[in-house]
Amino acid sequence: MMCGGRGLRTVGVLAIVASAMGASAQQPFDLDPSFRTAVDRVYVSSILPTPDGKVLASGLMRFPGEFTDKRLVRFLPDGTRDPTFNNSGLGQGKLTAWQGGVFYVATTQTVRRILPNGQQDPLFTEMNLGPYFSSLQGGDYHVFPDGRVVMGGVHQLSDAARGFVGNYCLCWFSNTGYLDTTRIHRKCAGSLDFFHPLPDGKFIGSGSTGTYDDQSASDIFRFHADGALDPTFQANVWWGEAFGFLPLPDGR
């Protein structure tokens, strides 16, 4: 089959453009052979790089020659385990940096604060050891600059003096890990699994909610900084849930 000169030139230009695009797209994804971990299985659920080039990892990690899983590990810049870190069972979920090298990590039920050496911070109590609170199912969480925490999921409260008795899906904690008795905890028909802060101080969240504070609520909904439902946002999603959110500059 014969092709005209114009057709050949067009094909040639397209081939050059495609080749250039392919080269530029692949470059940022080249494997870094200077970083190698020895994790055999099972999964890593959250990664937090530190300013000194090390990497915190939370999940369920098994290493060669070992018979137990680690839930919280720190890797050196080359990917080997940091022997100065308490590689332990203190984590498994989302990692959040705080201040002075201290960080927070979610477990399957609660949130812990961890010191730079991997030890649990004794100034932030194990949540279940405080009064009025018993964890059932852990969910997402947010850490405020002063160390306070708001946590989702579904949990049982027994603060009868302030009227919080039963299952709640959004619970507030002081910067010492105790249930914050100055805040209003929120109820759902199900659980609040994921939520994300918005630039205006509100949050957008998702879960098997059904109702929120006895009001009909979509499985994707927005709430105010104090946890109250924002009825001006109606996503009308009544099945399933979202696992991540990206706020846009125009408010969408």
C-alpha atoms as a PDB file:
ATOM      1  CA  MET A   1       0.000   0.000   0.000  1.00  0.00           C
ATOM      2  CA  MET A   2       1.340   3.412  -0.964  1.00  0.00           C
ATOM      3  CA  CYS A   3       1.029   6.421   1.346  1.00  0.00           C
ATOM      4  CA  GLY A   4       1.348  10.045   0.397  1.00  0.00           C
ATOM      5  CA  GLY A   5       4.243  12.131   1.667  1.00  0.00           C
ATOM      6  CA  ARG A   6       1.938  14.147   3.950  1.00  0.00           C
ATOM      7  CA  GLY A   7       0.647  10.954   5.564  1.00  0.00           C
ATOM      8  CA  LEU A   8       4.169   9.704   6.226  1.00  0.00           C
ATOM      9  CA  ARG A   9       5.171  13.018   7.769  1.00  0.00           C
ATOM     10  CA  THR A  10       2.106  12.960  10.040  1.00  0.00           C
ATOM     11  CA  VAL A  11       2.835   9.435  11.203  1.00  0.00           C
ATOM     12  CA  GLY A  12       6.477  10.371  11.809  1.00  0.00           C
ATOM     13  CA  VAL A  13       5.560  13.411  13.898  1.00  0.00           C
ATOM     14  CA  LEU A  14       3.082  11.381  15.944  1.00  0.00           C
ATOM     15  CA  ALA A  15       5.710   8.704  16.582  1.00  0.00           C
ATOM     16  CA  ILE A  16       8.211  11.291  17.798  1.00  0.00           C
ATOM     17  CA  VAL A  17       5.631  12.938  20.088  1.00  0.00           C
ATOM     18  CA  ALA A  18       4.521   9.569  21.489  1.00  0.00           C
ATOM     19  CA  SER A  19       8.127   8.578  22.093  1.00  0.00           C
ATOM     20  CA  ALA A  20       8.857  11.845  23.899  1.00  0.00           C
ATOM     21  CA  MET A  21       5.693  11.557  26.000  1.00  0.00           C
ATOM     22  CA  GLY A  22       6.575   7.975  26.915  1.00  0.00           C
ATOM     23  CA  ALA A  23      10.071   8.929  27.984  1.00  0.00           C
ATOM     24  CA  SER A  24       8.925  11.882  30.079  1.00  0.00           C
ATOM     25  CA  ALA A  25       6.121   9.886  31.715  1.00  0.00           C
ATOM     26  CA  GLN A  26       8.370   6.994  32.745  1.00  0.00           C
ATOM     27  CA  GLN A  27      11.198   8.996  34.251  1.00  0.00           C
ATOM     28  CA  PRO A  28       9.548   9.889  37.622  1.00  0.00           C
ATOM     29  CA  PHE A  29       8.629   6.226  38.175  1.00  0.00           C
ATOM     30  CA  ASP A  30      12.074   4.680  37.817  1.00  0.00           C
ATOM     31  CA  LEU A  31      12.778   2.223  40.621  1.00  0.00           C
ATOM     32  CA  ASP A  32      15.239   3.461  43.239  1.00  0.00           C
ATOM     33  CA  PRO A  33      17.546   0.453  43.786  1.00  0.00           C
ATOM     34  CA  SER A  34      19.161   2.124  46.811  1.00  0.00           C
ATOM     35  CA  PHE A  35      16.006   1.459  48.887  1.00  0.00           C
ATOM     36  CA  ARG A  36      15.125  -2.155  49.621  1.00  0.00           C
ATOM     37  CA  THR A  37      12.875  -3.524  52.362  1.00  0.00           C
ATOM     38  CA  ALA A  38      12.569  -7.162  53.356  1.00  0.00           C
ATOM     39  CA  VAL A  39       8.810  -7.199  53.955  1.00  0.00           C
ATOM     40  CA  ASP A  40       7.498 -10.591  52.802  1.00  0.00           C
ATOM     41  CA  ARG A  41       3.822  -9.933  53.480  1.00  0.00           C
ATOM     42  CA  VAL A  42       0.996  -8.965  54.323  1.00  0.00           C
ATOM     43  CA  TYR A  43       0.347  -5.274  53.702  1.00  0.00           C
ATOM     44  CA  VAL A  44       1.361  -1.702  54.511  1.00  0.00           C
ATOM     45  CA  SER A  45      -1.619   0.559  55.179  1.00  0.00           C
ATOM     46  CA  SER A  46       0.128   3.898  55.835  1.00  0.00           C
ATOM     47  CA  ILE A  47       3.567   5.431  55.200  1.00  0.00           C
ATOM     48  CA  LEU A  48       5.037   8.543  56.834  1.00  0.00           C
ATOM     49  CA  PRO A  49       8.434   9.892  55.666  1.00  0.00           C
ATOM     50  CA  THR A  50      10.430  11.698  58.362  1.00  0.00           C
ATOM     51  CA  PRO A  51      12.697  14.742  57.862  1.00  0.00           C
ATOM     52  CA  ASP A  52      15.869  12.663  58.380  1.00  0.00           C
ATOM     53  CA  GLY A  53      15.114  10.417  55.391  1.00  0.00           C
ATOM     54  CA  LYS A  54      13.702   7.526  57.373  1.00  0.00           C
ATOM     55  CA  VAL A  55      10.240   6.079  56.727  1.00  0.00           C
ATOM     56  CA  LEU A  56       7.574   4.987  59.204  1.00  0.00           C
ATOM     57  CA  ALA A  57       5.280   2.202  58.051  1.00  0.00           C
ATOM     58  CA  SER A  58       2.094   0.932  59.642  1.00  0.00           C
ATOM     59  CA  GLY A  59       0.292  -2.221  58.625  1.00  0.00           C
ATOM     60  CA  LEU A  60       0.755  -5.955  59.051  1.00  0.00           C
ATOM     61  CA  MET A  61       4.328  -6.754  58.050  1.00  0.00           C
ATOM     62  CA  ARG A  62       6.206 -10.066  58.179  1.00  0.00           C
ATOM     63  CA  PHE A  63       9.981 -10.254  57.744  1.00  0.00           C
ATOM     64  CA  PRO A  64      12.113 -13.237  56.632  1.00  0.00           C
ATOM     65  CA  GLY A  65      12.909 -15.693  59.397  1.00  0.00           C
ATOM     66  CA  GLU A  66      10.277 -14.232  61.747  1.00  0.00           C
ATOM     67  CA  PHE A  67       7.005 -15.808  62.812  1.00  0.00           C
ATOM     68  CA  THR A  68       5.077 -12.795  64.081  1.00  0.00           C
ATOM     69  CA  ASP A  69       3.780  -9.731  62.275  1.00  0.00           C
ATOM     70  CA  LYS A  70       4.895  -6.180  63.032  1.00  0.00           C
ATOM     71  CA  ARG A  71       2.318  -3.400  62.997  1.00  0.00           C
ATOM     72  CA  LEU A  72       4.639  -0.409  63.276  1.00  0.00           C
ATOM     73  CA  VAL A  73       8.128  -0.244  61.782  1.00  0.00           C
ATOM     74  CA  ARG A  74      10.684   2.439  60.938  1.00  0.00           C
ATOM     75  CA  PHE A  75      13.008   1.960  57.973  1.00  0.00           C
ATOM     76  CA  LEU A  76      16.392   3.588  57.478  1.00  0.00           C
ATOM     77  CA  PRO A  77      17.001   5.546  54.231  1.00  0.00           C
ATOM     78  CA  ASP A  78      18.215   2.338  52.528  1.00  0.00           C
ATOM     79  CA  GLY A  79      15.091   0.346  53.537  1.00  0.00           C
ATOM     80  CA  THR A  80      16.579  -1.729  56.350  1.00  0.00           C
ATOM     81  CA  ARG A  81      14.801  -1.735  59.696  1.00  0.00           C
ATOM     82  CA  ASP A  82      15.920   0.895  62.186  1.00  0.00           C
ATOM     83  CA  PRO A  83      17.316  -1.030  65.192  1.00  0.00           C
ATOM     84  CA  THR A  84      16.834   1.981  67.488  1.00  0.00           C
ATOM     85  CA  PHE A  85      13.067   1.984  66.920  1.00  0.00           C
ATOM     86  CA  ASN A  86      10.613  -0.088  68.926  1.00  0.00           C
ATOM     87  CA  ASN A  87       9.298  -2.156  65.995  1.00  0.00           C
ATOM     88  CA  SER A  88       6.123  -3.300  67.624  1.00  0.00           C
ATOM     89  CA  GLY A  89       2.436  -4.044  67.595  1.00  0.00           C
ATOM     90  CA  LEU A  90       1.397  -0.484  68.392  1.00  0.00           C
ATOM     91  CA  GLY A  91       0.009   0.438  64.973  1.00  0.00           C
ATOM     92  CA  GLN A  92      -1.648  -1.057  61.887  1.00  0.00           C
ATOM     93  CA  GLY A  93      -3.559   1.967  60.540  1.00  0.00           C
ATOM     94  CA  LYS A  94      -3.198   5.587  59.466  1.00  0.00           C
ATOM     95  CA  LEU A  95      -0.115   7.575  60.506  1.00  0.00           C
ATOM     96  CA  THR A  96      -0.225  11.316  61.270  1.00  0.00           C
ATOM     97  CA  ALA A  97       2.803  13.466  62.078  1.00  0.00           C
ATOM     98  CA  TRP A  98       2.499  15.820  65.022  1.00  0.00           C
ATOM     99  CA  GLN A  99       5.378  17.783  66.573  1.00  0.00           C
ATOM    100  CA  GLY A 100       8.917  17.074  67.709  1.00  0.00           C
ATOM    101  CA  GLY A 101       8.983  13.721  65.909  1.00  0.00           C
ATOM    102  CA  VAL A 102       5.941  12.500  67.827  1.00  0.00           C
ATOM    103  CA  PHE A 103       3.175  10.965  65.713  1.00  0.00           C
ATOM    104  CA  TYR A 104      -0.257   9.350  65.953  1.00  0.00           C
ATOM    105  CA  VAL A 105      -1.241   5.960  64.602  1.00  0.00           C
ATOM    106  CA  ALA A 106      -4.595   4.214  64.332  1.00  0.00           C
ATOM    107  CA  THR A 107      -5.174   0.664  65.487  1.00  0.00           C
ATOM    108  CA  THR A 108      -8.204  -1.431  64.608  1.00  0.00           C
ATOM    109  CA  GLN A 109     -10.120   0.228  67.450  1.00  0.00           C
ATOM    110  CA  THR A 110      -8.396   3.343  68.818  1.00  0.00           C
ATOM    111  CA  VAL A 111      -5.641   5.911  68.195  1.00  0.00           C
ATOM    112  CA  ARG A 112      -2.271   6.005  69.934  1.00  0.00           C
ATOM    113  CA  ARG A 113       0.412   8.662  70.253  1.00  0.00           C
ATOM    114  CA  ILE A 114       3.937   7.397  69.680  1.00  0.00           C
ATOM    115  CA  LEU A 115       7.276   8.895  70.690  1.00  0.00           C
ATOM    116  CA  PRO A 116      10.170   9.192  68.189  1.00  0.00           C
ATOM    117  CA  ASN A 117      11.756   5.993  69.551  1.00  0.00           C
ATOM    118  CA  GLY A 118       8.607   3.954  68.869  1.00  0.00           C
ATOM    119  CA  GLN A 119       7.422   3.772  72.455  1.00  0.00           C
ATOM    120  CA  GLN A 120       3.840   4.728  73.311  1.00  0.00           C
ATOM    121  CA  ASP A 121       3.608   8.261  74.730  1.00  0.00           C
ATOM    122  CA  PRO A 122       2.689   7.895  78.441  1.00  0.00           C
ATOM    123  CA  LEU A 123       1.149  11.391  78.391  1.00  0.00           C
ATOM    124  CA  PHE A 124      -1.555  10.171  75.981  1.00  0.00           C
ATOM    125  CA  THR A 125      -3.496   7.427  77.714  1.00  0.00           C
ATOM    126  CA  GLU A 126      -4.755   4.278  76.049  1.00  0.00           C
ATOM    127  CA  MET A 127      -8.264   5.455  75.152  1.00  0.00           C
ATOM    128  CA  ASN A 128     -10.024   2.414  76.577  1.00  0.00           C
ATOM    129  CA  LEU A 129      -8.435   3.026  79.980  1.00  0.00           C
ATOM    130  CA  GLY A 130     -10.270   6.328  80.409  1.00  0.00           C
ATOM    131  CA  PRO A 131     -13.776   6.605  81.830  1.00  0.00           C
ATOM    132  CA  TYR A 132     -16.964   6.746  79.736  1.00  0.00           C
ATOM    133  CA  PHE A 133     -15.435   5.186  76.569  1.00  0.00           C
ATOM    134  CA  SER A 134     -15.248   1.663  75.156  1.00  0.00           C
ATOM    135  CA  SER A 135     -14.068   1.153  71.595  1.00  0.00           C
ATOM    136  CA  LEU A 136     -15.982  -1.099  69.240  1.00  0.00           C
ATOM    137  CA  GLN A 137     -14.887  -0.424  65.645  1.00  0.00           C
ATOM    138  CA  GLY A 138     -12.129   2.037  64.793  1.00  0.00           C
ATOM    139  CA  GLY A 139     -12.529   4.568  62.012  1.00  0.00           C
ATOM    140  CA  ASP A 140     -10.685   7.534  60.588  1.00  0.00           C
ATOM    141  CA  TYR A 141      -9.333  10.280  62.841  1.00  0.00           C
ATOM    142  CA  HIS A 142      -8.059  13.852  62.744  1.00  0.00           C
ATOM    143  CA  VAL A 143      -5.373  15.416  64.949  1.00  0.00           C
ATOM    144  CA  PHE A 144      -5.615  19.111  65.841  1.00  0.00           C
ATOM    145  CA  PRO A 145      -2.483  21.263  66.296  1.00  0.00           C
ATOM    146  CA  ASP A 146      -2.789  21.090  70.098  1.00  0.00           C
ATOM    147  CA  GLY A 147      -2.899  17.277  70.073  1.00  0.00           C
ATOM    148  CA  ARG A 148      -6.646  16.791  70.473  1.00  0.00           C
ATOM    149  CA  VAL A 149      -8.211  13.990  68.428  1.00  0.00           C
ATOM    150  CA  VAL A 150     -11.615  13.437  66.855  1.00  0.00           C
ATOM    151  CA  MET A 151     -12.212   9.806  65.894  1.00  0.00           C
ATOM    152  CA  GLY A 152     -14.806   8.060  63.761  1.00  0.00           C
ATOM    153  CA  GLY A 153     -15.945   4.434  63.628  1.00  0.00           C
ATOM    154  CA  VAL A 154     -18.549   3.314  66.142  1.00  0.00           C
ATOM    155  CA  HIS A 155     -17.941   3.289  69.892  1.00  0.00           C
ATOM    156  CA  GLN A 156     -19.849   2.929  73.132  1.00  0.00           C
ATOM    157  CA  LEU A 157     -20.099   5.856  75.539  1.00  0.00           C
ATOM    158  CA  SER A 158     -21.352   5.737  79.128  1.00  0.00           C
ATOM    159  CA  ASP A 159     -21.253   9.397  80.167  1.00  0.00           C
ATOM    160  CA  ALA A 160     -24.740   9.524  81.709  1.00  0.00           C
ATOM    161  CA  ALA A 161     -24.039  12.779  83.544  1.00  0.00           C
ATOM    162  CA  ARG A 162     -23.779  14.622  80.232  1.00  0.00           C
ATOM    163  CA  GLY A 163     -26.305  12.524  78.316  1.00  0.00           C
ATOM    164  CA  PHE A 164     -23.944  10.500  76.114  1.00  0.00           C
ATOM    165  CA  VAL A 165     -24.959   6.877  76.480  1.00  0.00           C
ATOM    166  CA  GLY A 166     -24.963   4.291  73.690  1.00  0.00           C
ATOM    167  CA  ASN A 167     -23.164   3.999  70.361  1.00  0.00           C
ATOM    168  CA  TYR A 168     -21.540   7.070  68.786  1.00  0.00           C
ATOM    169  CA  CYS A 169     -19.732   7.451  65.463  1.00  0.00           C
ATOM    170  CA  LEU A 170     -17.792  10.688  66.102  1.00  0.00           C
ATOM    171  CA  CYS A 171     -16.006  11.020  69.441  1.00  0.00           C
ATOM    172  CA  TRP A 172     -13.744  13.788  70.737  1.00  0.00           C
ATOM    173  CA  PHE A 173     -10.664  13.290  72.889  1.00  0.00           C
ATOM    174  CA  SER A 174      -8.407  15.650  74.812  1.00  0.00           C
ATOM    175  CA  ASN A 175      -4.695  15.925  74.075  1.00  0.00           C
ATOM    176  CA  THR A 176      -4.115  13.436  76.887  1.00  0.00           C
ATOM    177  CA  GLY A 177      -6.289  10.729  75.289  1.00  0.00           C
ATOM    178  CA  TYR A 178      -9.340  10.959  77.550  1.00  0.00           C
ATOM    179  CA  LEU A 179     -12.860  11.403  76.233  1.00  0.00           C
ATOM    180  CA  ASP A 180     -13.457  15.158  75.974  1.00  0.00           C
ATOM    181  CA  THR A 181     -16.458  15.842  78.205  1.00  0.00           C
ATOM    182  CA  THR A 182     -16.709  19.449  76.945  1.00  0.00           C
ATOM    183  CA  ARG A 183     -17.675  18.391  73.400  1.00  0.00           C
ATOM    184  CA  ILE A 184     -20.812  16.997  71.765  1.00  0.00           C
ATOM    185  CA  HIS A 185     -20.284  13.467  70.473  1.00  0.00           C
ATOM    186  CA  ARG A 186     -22.325  12.449  67.425  1.00  0.00           C
ATOM    187  CA  LYS A 187     -24.481   9.429  66.620  1.00  0.00           C
ATOM    188  CA  CYS A 188     -24.983   7.569  63.340  1.00  0.00           C
ATOM    189  CA  ALA A 189     -27.262   4.702  62.425  1.00  0.00           C
ATOM    190  CA  GLY A 190     -24.080   2.890  61.354  1.00  0.00           C
ATOM    191  CA  SER A 191     -20.462   4.050  61.377  1.00  0.00           C
ATOM    192  CA  LEU A 192     -18.373   6.978  60.165  1.00  0.00           C
ATOM    193  CA  ASP A 193     -15.418   5.331  58.448  1.00  0.00           C
ATOM    194  CA  PHE A 194     -13.552   8.111  56.621  1.00  0.00           C
ATOM    195  CA  PHE A 195     -13.485  11.886  56.895  1.00  0.00           C
ATOM    196  CA  HIS A 196     -11.286  14.710  55.685  1.00  0.00           C
ATOM    197  CA  PRO A 197     -10.804  18.322  56.844  1.00  0.00           C
ATOM    198  CA  LEU A 198     -11.838  21.112  54.494  1.00  0.00           C
ATOM    199  CA  PRO A 199     -10.160  24.522  54.164  1.00  0.00           C
ATOM    200  CA  ASP A 200     -13.043  26.291  55.943  1.00  0.00           C
ATOM    201  CA  GLY A 201     -12.769  24.095  59.053  1.00  0.00           C
ATOM    202  CA  LYS A 202     -15.606  21.756  58.128  1.00  0.00           C
ATOM    203  CA  PHE A 203     -15.170  18.052  57.356  1.00  0.00           C
ATOM    204  CA  ILE A 204     -16.481  15.800  54.612  1.00  0.00           C
ATOM    205  CA  GLY A 205     -17.060  12.200  55.584  1.00  0.00           C
ATOM    206  CA  SER A 206     -18.350   8.839  54.457  1.00  0.00           C
ATOM    207  CA  GLY A 207     -19.647   5.665  56.034  1.00  0.00           C
ATOM    208  CA  SER A 208     -22.721   3.534  56.505  1.00  0.00           C
ATOM    209  CA  THR A 209     -24.427   6.419  58.210  1.00  0.00           C
ATOM    210  CA  GLY A 210     -28.125   6.406  57.241  1.00  0.00           C
ATOM    211  CA  THR A 211     -28.849   8.966  59.926  1.00  0.00           C
ATOM    212  CA  TYR A 212     -26.595  11.426  61.740  1.00  0.00           C
ATOM    213  CA  ASP A 213     -27.742  13.111  64.943  1.00  0.00           C
ATOM    214  CA  ASP A 214     -31.204  11.679  64.228  1.00  0.00           C
ATOM    215  CA  GLN A 215     -31.297  13.410  60.830  1.00  0.00           C
ATOM    216  CA  SER A 216     -31.331  11.622  57.485  1.00  0.00           C
ATOM    217  CA  ALA A 217     -27.760  11.605  56.155  1.00  0.00           C
ATOM    218  CA  SER A 218     -26.255  10.446  52.878  1.00  0.00           C
ATOM    219  CA  ASP A 219     -23.351   7.996  52.976  1.00  0.00           C
ATOM    220  CA  ILE A 220     -21.251  10.978  51.901  1.00  0.00           C
ATOM    221  CA  PHE A 221     -22.005  14.051  53.979  1.00  0.00           C
ATOM    222  CA  ARG A 222     -20.457  17.215  55.354  1.00  0.00           C
ATOM    223  CA  PHE A 223     -20.288  18.338  58.969  1.00  0.00           C
ATOM    224  CA  HIS A 224     -19.248  21.495  60.781  1.00  0.00           C
ATOM    225  CA  ALA A 225     -16.098  21.954  62.851  1.00  0.00           C
ATOM    226  CA  ASP A 226     -18.052  21.060  66.007  1.00  0.00           C
ATOM    227  CA  GLY A 227     -19.379  17.853  64.431  1.00  0.00           C
ATOM    228  CA  ALA A 228     -22.915  19.083  63.659  1.00  0.00           C
ATOM    229  CA  LEU A 229     -24.408  17.984  60.338  1.00  0.00           C
ATOM    230  CA  ASP A 230     -24.234  20.561  57.519  1.00  0.00           C
ATOM    231  CA  PRO A 231     -27.623  20.281  55.751  1.00  0.00           C
ATOM    232  CA  THR A 232     -26.525  22.610  52.923  1.00  0.00           C
ATOM    233  CA  PHE A 233     -24.508  19.740  51.369  1.00  0.00           C
ATOM    234  CA  GLN A 234     -26.612  16.919  49.915  1.00  0.00           C
ATOM    235  CA  ALA A 235     -24.661  14.218  48.052  1.00  0.00           C
ATOM    236  CA  ASN A 236     -27.609  11.764  48.002  1.00  0.00           C
ATOM    237  CA  VAL A 237     -25.356   8.693  48.077  1.00  0.00           C
ATOM    238  CA  TRP A 238     -27.328   5.938  49.789  1.00  0.00           C
ATOM    239  CA  TRP A 239     -25.133   2.910  49.130  1.00  0.00           C
ATOM    240  CA  GLY A 240     -21.377   2.363  49.389  1.00  0.00           C
ATOM    241  CA  GLU A 241     -18.793   4.812  50.648  1.00  0.00           C
ATOM    242  CA  ALA A 242     -15.813   6.960  49.655  1.00  0.00           C
ATOM    243  CA  PHE A 243     -12.275   6.124  50.773  1.00  0.00           C
ATOM    244  CA  GLY A 244     -10.613   9.485  50.059  1.00  0.00           C
ATOM    245  CA  PHE A 245     -11.422  13.114  49.373  1.00  0.00           C
ATOM    246  CA  LEU A 246      -9.632  15.940  47.542  1.00  0.00           C
ATOM    247  CA  PRO A 247     -11.085  19.430  48.175  1.00  0.00           C
ATOM    248  CA  LEU A 248     -10.870  21.757  45.176  1.00  0.00           C
ATOM    249  CA  PRO A 249     -10.125  25.518  45.361  1.00  0.00           C
ATOM    250  CA  ASP A 250     -13.658  26.448  44.291  1.00  0.00           C
ATOM    251  CA  GLY A 251     -15.301  24.553  47.149  1.00  0.00           C
ATOM    252  CA  ARG A 252     -16.209  21.381  45.254  1.00  0.00           C
END
